[in-house]
């Protein structure tokens, strides 16, 4: 039988475990939450890909250093903890 593979059995077992843990009333809510999460993840990855493709040139180390120095104070002395 081609249906009885390792992957199919684990999928069915996982669905049975979910049914036992959450019950039949919570499964639609769980599926909706998972679907919304996957949709948001895909949208964010597409936005990130579009942003990366718009930036043809990667920032140089000098520009990154200038941004860091200009935006936040840089501490060069180690912090000593007494204790």
C-alpha atoms as a PDB file:
ATOM      1  CA  UNK A   1       0.000   0.000   0.000  1.00  0.00           C
ATOM      2  CA  UNK A   2       1.553   3.328  -1.018  1.00  0.00           C
ATOM      3  CA  UNK A   3      -0.475   5.267   1.599  1.00  0.00           C
ATOM      4  CA  UNK A   4       1.277   3.651   4.543  1.00  0.00           C
ATOM      5  CA  UNK A   5       4.527   5.591   4.584  1.00  0.00           C
ATOM      6  CA  UNK A   6       6.303   7.011   7.576  1.00  0.00           C
ATOM      7  CA  UNK A   7       5.232  10.571   6.778  1.00  0.00           C
ATOM      8  CA  UNK A   8       1.539   9.857   6.399  1.00  0.00           C
ATOM      9  CA  UNK A   9       1.313   7.872   9.601  1.00  0.00           C
ATOM     10  CA  UNK A  10       3.023  10.635  11.622  1.00  0.00           C
ATOM     11  CA  UNK A  11       0.725  13.239  10.081  1.00  0.00           C
ATOM     12  CA  UNK A  12      -2.376  11.260  11.022  1.00  0.00           C
ATOM     13  CA  UNK A  13      -0.984  10.582  14.508  1.00  0.00           C
ATOM     14  CA  UNK A  14      -0.247  14.278  14.975  1.00  0.00           C
ATOM     15  CA  UNK A  15      -3.773  15.238  13.950  1.00  0.00           C
ATOM     16  CA  UNK A  16      -5.220  12.718  16.398  1.00  0.00           C
ATOM     17  CA  UNK A  17      -3.044  14.111  19.205  1.00  0.00           C
ATOM     18  CA  UNK A  18      -4.177  17.660  18.365  1.00  0.00           C
ATOM     19  CA  UNK A  19      -7.788  16.521  18.408  1.00  0.00           C
ATOM     20  CA  UNK A  20      -7.343  14.921  21.827  1.00  0.00           C
ATOM     21  CA  UNK A  21      -5.470  17.900  23.320  1.00  0.00           C
ATOM     22  CA  UNK A  22      -7.565  20.772  21.974  1.00  0.00           C
ATOM     23  CA  UNK A  23     -10.872  19.070  21.276  1.00  0.00           C
ATOM     24  CA  UNK A  24     -13.071  19.456  18.220  1.00  0.00           C
ATOM     25  CA  UNK A  25     -14.328  22.924  19.243  1.00  0.00           C
ATOM     26  CA  UNK A  26     -10.888  24.548  19.353  1.00  0.00           C
ATOM     27  CA  UNK A  27      -9.450  23.061  16.143  1.00  0.00           C
ATOM     28  CA  UNK A  28     -11.053  25.643  13.792  1.00  0.00           C
ATOM     29  CA  UNK A  29      -9.722  28.488  15.967  1.00  0.00           C
ATOM     30  CA  UNK A  30      -6.286  26.863  16.019  1.00  0.00           C
ATOM     31  CA  UNK A  31      -6.314  26.437  12.239  1.00  0.00           C
ATOM     32  CA  UNK A  32      -7.323  30.071  11.748  1.00  0.00           C
ATOM     33  CA  UNK A  33      -4.525  31.274  14.025  1.00  0.00           C
ATOM     34  CA  UNK A  34      -1.951  29.126  12.218  1.00  0.00           C
ATOM     35  CA  UNK A  35      -3.208  30.355   8.838  1.00  0.00           C
ATOM     36  CA  UNK A  36      -2.975  34.012   9.883  1.00  0.00           C
ATOM     37  CA  UNK A  37       0.522  33.447  11.240  1.00  0.00           C
ATOM     38  CA  UNK A  38       1.704  31.821   8.003  1.00  0.00           C
ATOM     39  CA  UNK A  39       0.108  34.623   5.938  1.00  0.00           C
ATOM     40  CA  UNK A  40       1.850  37.318   8.029  1.00  0.00           C
ATOM     41  CA  UNK A  41       5.179  35.482   7.778  1.00  0.00           C
ATOM     42  CA  UNK A  42       4.918  35.201   3.994  1.00  0.00           C
ATOM     43  CA  UNK A  43       3.999  38.878   3.673  1.00  0.00           C
ATOM     44  CA  UNK A  44       6.938  39.960   5.805  1.00  0.00           C
ATOM     45  CA  UNK A  45       9.375  37.801   3.835  1.00  0.00           C
ATOM     46  CA  UNK A  46       8.025  39.176   0.533  1.00  0.00           C
ATOM     47  CA  UNK A  47       8.399  42.735   1.859  1.00  0.00           C
ATOM     48  CA  UNK A  48      11.935  41.988   2.979  1.00  0.00           C
ATOM     49  CA  UNK A  49      12.825  40.483  -0.411  1.00  0.00           C
ATOM     50  CA  UNK A  50      11.393  43.530  -2.187  1.00  0.00           C
ATOM     51  CA  UNK A  51      13.337  45.870   0.075  1.00  0.00           C
ATOM     52  CA  UNK A  52      16.545  43.924  -0.468  1.00  0.00           C
ATOM     53  CA  UNK A  53      16.086  43.949  -4.247  1.00  0.00           C
ATOM     54  CA  UNK A  54      15.495  47.737  -4.169  1.00  0.00           C
ATOM     55  CA  UNK A  55      18.816  48.215  -2.380  1.00  0.00           C
ATOM     56  CA  UNK A  56      21.213  47.137  -5.122  1.00  0.00           C
ATOM     57  CA  UNK A  57      24.311  48.253  -3.255  1.00  0.00           C
ATOM     58  CA  UNK A  58      25.054  46.848   0.160  1.00  0.00           C
ATOM     59  CA  UNK A  59      26.096  49.405   2.791  1.00  0.00           C
ATOM     60  CA  UNK A  60      29.823  49.720   3.261  1.00  0.00           C
ATOM     61  CA  UNK A  61      31.537  49.322   6.602  1.00  0.00           C
ATOM     62  CA  UNK A  62      32.298  53.054   6.664  1.00  0.00           C
ATOM     63  CA  UNK A  63      28.644  54.052   6.292  1.00  0.00           C
ATOM     64  CA  UNK A  64      27.555  51.567   8.941  1.00  0.00           C
ATOM     65  CA  UNK A  65      30.237  52.895  11.311  1.00  0.00           C
ATOM     66  CA  UNK A  66      29.176  56.488  10.613  1.00  0.00           C
ATOM     67  CA  UNK A  67      25.543  55.636  11.340  1.00  0.00           C
ATOM     68  CA  UNK A  68      26.430  53.921  14.605  1.00  0.00           C
ATOM     69  CA  UNK A  69      28.724  56.688  15.789  1.00  0.00           C
ATOM     70  CA  UNK A  70      26.235  59.381  14.846  1.00  0.00           C
ATOM     71  CA  UNK A  71      23.185  57.714  16.405  1.00  0.00           C
ATOM     72  CA  UNK A  72      24.390  56.299  19.714  1.00  0.00           C
ATOM     73  CA  UNK A  73      27.273  56.980  22.050  1.00  0.00           C
ATOM     74  CA  UNK A  74      30.014  54.393  21.815  1.00  0.00           C
ATOM     75  CA  UNK A  75      31.581  53.205  25.076  1.00  0.00           C
ATOM     76  CA  UNK A  76      35.151  52.041  24.754  1.00  0.00           C
ATOM     77  CA  UNK A  77      35.951  51.442  28.417  1.00  0.00           C
ATOM     78  CA  UNK A  78      34.996  48.101  29.932  1.00  0.00           C
ATOM     79  CA  UNK A  79      32.347  48.156  32.614  1.00  0.00           C
ATOM     80  CA  UNK A  80      33.587  46.809  35.931  1.00  0.00           C
ATOM     81  CA  UNK A  81      31.258  44.939  38.216  1.00  0.00           C
ATOM     82  CA  UNK A  82      32.104  44.683  41.869  1.00  0.00           C
ATOM     83  CA  UNK A  83      31.000  41.635  43.639  1.00  0.00           C
END
